[in-house]
PDB file of N, CA and C in Angstrom:
ATOM      1  N   UNK A   1      21.432  74.554 210.023  1.00  0.00           N
ATOM      2  CA  UNK A   1      21.532  75.188 208.723  1.00  0.00           C
ATOM      3  C   UNK A   1      21.495  76.710 208.915  1.00  0.00           C
ATOM      4  N   UNK A   2      22.465  77.429 208.405  1.00  0.00           N
ATOM      5  CA  UNK A   2      22.480  78.884 208.588  1.00  0.00           C
ATOM      6  C   UNK A   2      21.351  79.564 207.809  1.00  0.00           C
ATOM      7  N   UNK A   3      20.936  80.716 208.319  1.00  0.00           N
ATOM      8  CA  UNK A   3      19.886  81.500 207.675  1.00  0.00           C
ATOM      9  C   UNK A   3      20.459  82.261 206.487  1.00  0.00           C
ATOM     10  N   UNK A   4      19.632  82.453 205.470  1.00  0.00           N
ATOM     11  CA  UNK A   4      20.077  83.224 204.305  1.00  0.00           C
ATOM     12  C   UNK A   4      19.773  84.708 204.463  1.00  0.00           C
ATOM     13  N   UNK A   5      19.181  85.096 205.601  1.00  0.00           N
ATOM     14  CA  UNK A   5      18.840  86.508 205.797  1.00  0.00           C
ATOM     15  C   UNK A   5      20.076  87.407 205.736  1.00  0.00           C
ATOM     16  N   UNK A   6      21.161  86.959 206.320  1.00  0.00           N
ATOM     17  CA  UNK A   6      22.375  87.780 206.319  1.00  0.00           C
ATOM     18  C   UNK A   6      22.865  88.019 204.891  1.00  0.00           C
ATOM     19  N   UNK A   7      22.870  86.972 204.077  1.00  0.00           N
ATOM     20  CA  UNK A   7      23.323  87.106 202.686  1.00  0.00           C
ATOM     21  C   UNK A   7      22.396  88.027 201.902  1.00  0.00           C
ATOM     22  N   UNK A   8      21.094  87.909 202.131  1.00  0.00           N
ATOM     23  CA  UNK A   8      20.135  88.758 201.429  1.00  0.00           C
ATOM     24  C   UNK A   8      20.296  90.217 201.834  1.00  0.00           C
ATOM     25  N   UNK A   9      20.470  90.454 203.118  1.00  0.00           N
ATOM     26  CA  UNK A   9      20.652  91.820 203.591  1.00  0.00           C
ATOM     27  C   UNK A   9      21.953  92.406 203.058  1.00  0.00           C
ATOM     28  N   UNK A  10      22.996  91.595 202.980  1.00  0.00           N
ATOM     29  CA  UNK A  10      24.274  92.061 202.450  1.00  0.00           C
ATOM     30  C   UNK A  10      24.113  92.516 200.994  1.00  0.00           C
ATOM     31  N   UNK A  11      23.387  91.738 200.182  1.00  0.00           N
ATOM     32  CA  UNK A  11      23.143  92.125 198.788  1.00  0.00           C
ATOM     33  C   UNK A  11      22.410  93.458 198.701  1.00  0.00           C
ATOM     34  N   UNK A  12      21.422  93.628 199.537  1.00  0.00           N
ATOM     35  CA  UNK A  12      20.638  94.862 199.545  1.00  0.00           C
ATOM     36  C   UNK A  12      21.507  96.059 199.934  1.00  0.00           C
ATOM     37  N   UNK A  13      22.251  95.923 201.017  1.00  0.00           N
ATOM     38  CA  UNK A  13      23.079  97.037 201.489  1.00  0.00           C
ATOM     39  C   UNK A  13      24.212  97.350 200.521  1.00  0.00           C
ATOM     40  N   UNK A  14      24.796  96.315 199.919  1.00  0.00           N
ATOM     41  CA  UNK A  14      25.855  96.547 198.921  1.00  0.00           C
ATOM     42  C   UNK A  14      25.315  97.336 197.733  1.00  0.00           C
ATOM     43  N   UNK A  15      24.123  96.997 197.277  1.00  0.00           N
ATOM     44  CA  UNK A  15      23.512  97.722 196.152  1.00  0.00           C
ATOM     45  C   UNK A  15      23.288  99.181 196.532  1.00  0.00           C
ATOM     46  N   UNK A  16      22.788  99.423 197.734  1.00  0.00           N
ATOM     47  CA  UNK A  16      22.558 100.802 198.180  1.00  0.00           C
ATOM     48  C   UNK A  16      23.869 101.582 198.236  1.00  0.00           C
ATOM     49  N   UNK A  17      24.920 100.959 198.759  1.00  0.00           N
ATOM     50  CA  UNK A  17      26.219 101.632 198.864  1.00  0.00           C
ATOM     51  C   UNK A  17      26.790 101.986 197.489  1.00  0.00           C
ATOM     52  N   UNK A  18      26.521 101.146 196.495  1.00  0.00           N
ATOM     53  CA  UNK A  18      27.006 101.410 195.131  1.00  0.00           C
ATOM     54  C   UNK A  18      26.075 102.332 194.353  1.00  0.00           C
ATOM     55  N   UNK A  19      24.959 102.682 194.952  1.00  0.00           N
ATOM     56  CA  UNK A  19      23.984 103.533 194.270  1.00  0.00           C
ATOM     57  C   UNK A  19      23.231 102.801 193.172  1.00  0.00           C
ATOM     58  N   UNK A  20      23.116 101.493 193.315  1.00  0.00           N
ATOM     59  CA  UNK A  20      22.434 100.665 192.321  1.00  0.00           C
ATOM     60  C   UNK A  20      21.096 100.170 192.868  1.00  0.00           C
ATOM     61  N   UNK A  21      20.279  99.696 191.938  1.00  0.00           N
ATOM     62  CA  UNK A  21      19.018  99.074 192.350  1.00  0.00           C
ATOM     63  C   UNK A  21      19.313  97.733 193.002  1.00  0.00           C
ATOM     64  N   UNK A  22      18.559  97.349 194.018  1.00  0.00           N
ATOM     65  CA  UNK A  22      18.744  96.027 194.628  1.00  0.00           C
ATOM     66  C   UNK A  22      18.404  94.922 193.625  1.00  0.00           C
ATOM     67  N   UNK A  23      18.876  93.691 193.893  1.00  0.00           N
ATOM     68  CA  UNK A  23      18.615  92.587 192.979  1.00  0.00           C
ATOM     69  C   UNK A  23      17.122  92.332 192.734  1.00  0.00           C
ATOM     70  N   UNK A  24      16.288  92.586 193.726  1.00  0.00           N
ATOM     71  CA  UNK A  24      14.839  92.408 193.598  1.00  0.00           C
ATOM     72  C   UNK A  24      14.133  93.709 193.944  1.00  0.00           C
ATOM     73  N   UNK A  25      12.977  93.894 193.358  1.00  0.00           N
ATOM     74  CA  UNK A  25      12.181  95.082 193.673  1.00  0.00           C
ATOM     75  C   UNK A  25      11.401  94.856 194.964  1.00  0.00           C
ATOM     76  N   UNK A  26      10.857  95.924 195.495  1.00  0.00           N
ATOM     77  CA  UNK A  26       9.998  95.811 196.669  1.00  0.00           C
ATOM     78  C   UNK A  26       8.788  94.934 196.395  1.00  0.00           C
ATOM     79  N   UNK A  27       8.227  95.054 195.200  1.00  0.00           N
ATOM     80  CA  UNK A  27       7.062  94.240 194.832  1.00  0.00           C
ATOM     81  C   UNK A  27       7.427  92.755 194.797  1.00  0.00           C
ATOM     82  N   UNK A  28       8.610  92.442 194.264  1.00  0.00           N
ATOM     83  CA  UNK A  28       9.047  91.046 194.219  1.00  0.00           C
ATOM     84  C   UNK A  28       9.303  90.505 195.629  1.00  0.00           C
ATOM     85  N   UNK A  29       9.852  91.344 196.482  1.00  0.00           N
ATOM     86  CA  UNK A  29      10.051  90.941 197.870  1.00  0.00           C
ATOM     87  C   UNK A  29       8.730  90.683 198.571  1.00  0.00           C
ATOM     88  N   UNK A  30       7.757  91.541 198.299  1.00  0.00           N
ATOM     89  CA  UNK A  30       6.432  91.357 198.911  1.00  0.00           C
ATOM     90  C   UNK A  30       5.792  90.056 198.437  1.00  0.00           C
ATOM     91  N   UNK A  31       5.938  89.742 197.153  1.00  0.00           N
ATOM     92  CA  UNK A  31       5.381  88.486 196.633  1.00  0.00           C
ATOM     93  C   UNK A  31       5.985  87.288 197.353  1.00  0.00           C
ATOM     94  N   UNK A  32       7.290  87.323 197.587  1.00  0.00           N
ATOM     95  CA  UNK A  32       7.943  86.228 198.297  1.00  0.00           C
ATOM     96  C   UNK A  32       7.417  86.120 199.725  1.00  0.00           C
ATOM     97  N   UNK A  33       7.257  87.264 200.393  1.00  0.00           N
ATOM     98  CA  UNK A  33       6.730  87.253 201.760  1.00  0.00           C
ATOM     99  C   UNK A  33       5.291  86.752 201.802  1.00  0.00           C
ATOM    100  N   UNK A  34       4.493  87.114 200.810  1.00  0.00           N
ATOM    101  CA  UNK A  34       3.116  86.630 200.759  1.00  0.00           C
ATOM    102  C   UNK A  34       3.076  85.117 200.596  1.00  0.00           C
ATOM    103  N   UNK A  35       3.960  84.579 199.770  1.00  0.00           N
ATOM    104  CA  UNK A  35       4.018  83.131 199.587  1.00  0.00           C
ATOM    105  C   UNK A  35       4.365  82.440 200.901  1.00  0.00           C
ATOM    106  N   UNK A  36       5.410  82.914 201.554  1.00  0.00           N
ATOM    107  CA  UNK A  36       5.838  82.295 202.813  1.00  0.00           C
ATOM    108  C   UNK A  36       4.760  82.450 203.883  1.00  0.00           C
ATOM    109  N   UNK A  37       4.144  83.617 203.957  1.00  0.00           N
ATOM    110  CA  UNK A  37       3.073  83.842 204.928  1.00  0.00           C
ATOM    111  C   UNK A  37       1.909  82.898 204.673  1.00  0.00           C
ATOM    112  N   UNK A  38       1.552  82.718 203.402  1.00  0.00           N
ATOM    113  CA  UNK A  38       0.481  81.783 203.054  1.00  0.00           C
ATOM    114  C   UNK A  38       0.819  80.353 203.453  1.00  0.00           C
ATOM    115  N   UNK A  39       2.081  79.959 203.279  1.00  0.00           N
ATOM    116  CA  UNK A  39       2.504  78.621 203.676  1.00  0.00           C
ATOM    117  C   UNK A  39       2.383  78.434 205.191  1.00  0.00           C
ATOM    118  N   UNK A  40       2.830  79.422 205.948  1.00  0.00           N
ATOM    119  CA  UNK A  40       2.704  79.351 207.403  1.00  0.00           C
ATOM    120  C   UNK A  40       1.237  79.305 207.815  1.00  0.00           C
ATOM    121  N   UNK A  41       0.430  80.185 207.248  1.00  0.00           N
ATOM    122  CA  UNK A  41      -0.998  80.228 207.599  1.00  0.00           C
ATOM    123  C   UNK A  41      -1.664  78.896 207.283  1.00  0.00           C
ATOM    124  N   UNK A  42      -1.334  78.313 206.150  1.00  0.00           N
ATOM    125  CA  UNK A  42      -1.904  77.028 205.769  1.00  0.00           C
ATOM    126  C   UNK A  42      -1.467  75.927 206.740  1.00  0.00           C
ATOM    127  N   UNK A  43      -0.202  75.937 207.113  1.00  0.00           N
ATOM    128  CA  UNK A  43       0.302  74.925 208.045  1.00  0.00           C
ATOM    129  C   UNK A  43      -0.385  75.037 209.401  1.00  0.00           C
ATOM    130  N   UNK A  44      -0.605  76.257 209.876  1.00  0.00           N
ATOM    131  CA  UNK A  44      -1.231  76.452 211.179  1.00  0.00           C
ATOM    132  C   UNK A  44      -2.724  76.191 211.162  1.00  0.00           C
ATOM    133  N   UNK A  45      -3.389  76.483 210.055  1.00  0.00           N
ATOM    134  CA  UNK A  45      -4.849  76.315 209.994  1.00  0.00           C
ATOM    135  C   UNK A  45      -5.261  74.964 209.428  1.00  0.00           C
ATOM    136  N   UNK A  46      -4.345  74.287 208.723  1.00  0.00           N
ATOM    137  CA  UNK A  46      -4.664  72.993 208.148  1.00  0.00           C
ATOM    138  C   UNK A  46      -5.537  73.071 206.910  1.00  0.00           C
ATOM    139  N   UNK A  47      -5.554  74.216 206.256  1.00  0.00           N
ATOM    140  CA  UNK A  47      -6.368  74.386 205.048  1.00  0.00           C
ATOM    141  C   UNK A  47      -5.620  75.278 204.061  1.00  0.00           C
ATOM    142  N   UNK A  48      -6.024  75.241 202.790  1.00  0.00           N
ATOM    143  CA  UNK A  48      -5.405  76.147 201.822  1.00  0.00           C
ATOM    144  C   UNK A  48      -5.687  77.606 202.190  1.00  0.00           C
ATOM    145  N   UNK A  49      -4.707  78.461 202.004  1.00  0.00           N
ATOM    146  CA  UNK A  49      -4.866  79.893 202.272  1.00  0.00           C
ATOM    147  C   UNK A  49      -4.522  80.639 200.992  1.00  0.00           C
ATOM    148  N   UNK A  50      -5.442  81.470 200.557  1.00  0.00           N
ATOM    149  CA  UNK A  50      -5.248  82.222 199.322  1.00  0.00           C
ATOM    150  C   UNK A  50      -4.706  83.611 199.624  1.00  0.00           C
ATOM    151  N   UNK A  51      -3.970  84.152 198.687  1.00  0.00           N
ATOM    152  CA  UNK A  51      -3.318  85.458 198.843  1.00  0.00           C
ATOM    153  C   UNK A  51      -4.293  86.535 199.325  1.00  0.00           C
ATOM    154  N   UNK A  52      -5.479  86.573 198.754  1.00  0.00           N
ATOM    155  CA  UNK A  52      -6.442  87.627 199.116  1.00  0.00           C
ATOM    156  C   UNK A  52      -6.941  87.506 200.556  1.00  0.00           C
ATOM    157  N   UNK A  53      -6.687  86.375 201.211  1.00  0.00           N
ATOM    158  CA  UNK A  53      -7.064  86.208 202.620  1.00  0.00           C
ATOM    159  C   UNK A  53      -6.051  86.856 203.567  1.00  0.00           C
ATOM    160  N   UNK A  54      -4.873  87.152 203.091  1.00  0.00           N
ATOM    161  CA  UNK A  54      -3.803  87.686 203.940  1.00  0.00           C
ATOM    162  C   UNK A  54      -3.907  89.207 204.012  1.00  0.00           C
ATOM    163  N   UNK A  55      -4.940  89.671 204.666  1.00  0.00           N
ATOM    164  CA  UNK A  55      -5.187  91.103 204.800  1.00  0.00           C
ATOM    165  C   UNK A  55      -4.672  91.599 206.143  1.00  0.00           C
ATOM    166  N   UNK A  56      -4.605  92.905 206.283  1.00  0.00           N
ATOM    167  CA  UNK A  56      -4.049  93.522 207.491  1.00  0.00           C
ATOM    168  C   UNK A  56      -4.803  93.116 208.761  1.00  0.00           C
ATOM    169  N   UNK A  57      -6.055  92.693 208.643  1.00  0.00           N
ATOM    170  CA  UNK A  57      -6.832  92.333 209.835  1.00  0.00           C
ATOM    171  C   UNK A  57      -6.731  90.849 210.185  1.00  0.00           C
ATOM    172  N   UNK A  58      -5.867  90.091 209.517  1.00  0.00           N
ATOM    173  CA  UNK A  58      -5.658  88.691 209.886  1.00  0.00           C
ATOM    174  C   UNK A  58      -4.369  88.564 210.688  1.00  0.00           C
ATOM    175  N   UNK A  59      -4.319  87.625 211.641  1.00  0.00           N
ATOM    176  CA  UNK A  59      -3.130  87.508 212.489  1.00  0.00           C
ATOM    177  C   UNK A  59      -1.852  87.168 211.723  1.00  0.00           C
ATOM    178  N   UNK A  60      -1.955  86.456 210.612  1.00  0.00           N
ATOM    179  CA  UNK A  60      -0.758  86.059 209.873  1.00  0.00           C
ATOM    180  C   UNK A  60      -0.135  87.210 209.095  1.00  0.00           C
ATOM    181  N   UNK A  61      -0.868  88.276 208.889  1.00  0.00           N
ATOM    182  CA  UNK A  61      -0.333  89.439 208.171  1.00  0.00           C
ATOM    183  C   UNK A  61       0.834  90.048 208.942  1.00  0.00           C
ATOM    184  N   UNK A  62       0.747  90.044 210.244  1.00  0.00           N
ATOM    185  CA  UNK A  62       1.746  90.698 211.091  1.00  0.00           C
ATOM    186  C   UNK A  62       2.790  89.748 211.645  1.00  0.00           C
ATOM    187  N   UNK A  63       2.451  88.466 211.692  1.00  0.00           N
ATOM    188  CA  UNK A  63       3.352  87.491 212.305  1.00  0.00           C
ATOM    189  C   UNK A  63       3.122  86.127 211.682  1.00  0.00           C
ATOM    190  N   UNK A  64       4.164  85.481 211.138  1.00  0.00           N
ATOM    191  CA  UNK A  64       3.958  84.215 210.440  1.00  0.00           C
ATOM    192  C   UNK A  64       3.250  83.154 211.260  1.00  0.00           C
ATOM    193  N   UNK A  65       3.481  83.117 212.573  1.00  0.00           N
ATOM    194  CA  UNK A  65       2.825  82.124 213.423  1.00  0.00           C
ATOM    195  C   UNK A  65       1.394  82.475 213.754  1.00  0.00           C
ATOM    196  N   UNK A  66       0.976  83.690 213.426  1.00  0.00           N
ATOM    197  CA  UNK A  66      -0.395  84.105 213.659  1.00  0.00           C
ATOM    198  C   UNK A  66      -0.696  84.517 215.082  1.00  0.00           C
ATOM    199  N   UNK A  67       0.283  84.457 215.991  1.00  0.00           N
ATOM    200  CA  UNK A  67       0.054  84.792 217.392  1.00  0.00           C
ATOM    201  C   UNK A  67       0.011  86.292 217.619  1.00  0.00           C
ATOM    202  N   UNK A  68      -0.245  86.637 218.844  1.00  0.00           N
ATOM    203  CA  UNK A  68      -0.281  88.039 219.251  1.00  0.00           C
ATOM    204  C   UNK A  68       1.105  88.656 219.139  1.00  0.00           C
ATOM    205  N   UNK A  69       1.148  89.949 218.845  1.00  0.00           N
ATOM    206  CA  UNK A  69       2.428  90.662 218.778  1.00  0.00           C
ATOM    207  C   UNK A  69       2.979  90.907 220.155  1.00  0.00           C
TER     208      UNK A  69
END
């Protein structure tokens, strides 16, 4: 299954080239990343992970798998 990253990046770059706002705001993008990060953290830890747990000092903040950089 192909990744949707290319399509998402194309939308962002096209908006910038036209001088328009991107389809989503930075805050909306961050919310999506927090959701996905929480899902990964929960899958790896085997427990529910709440948004407020995803702080800069947790391994999942920097890498979805939680491993070392």
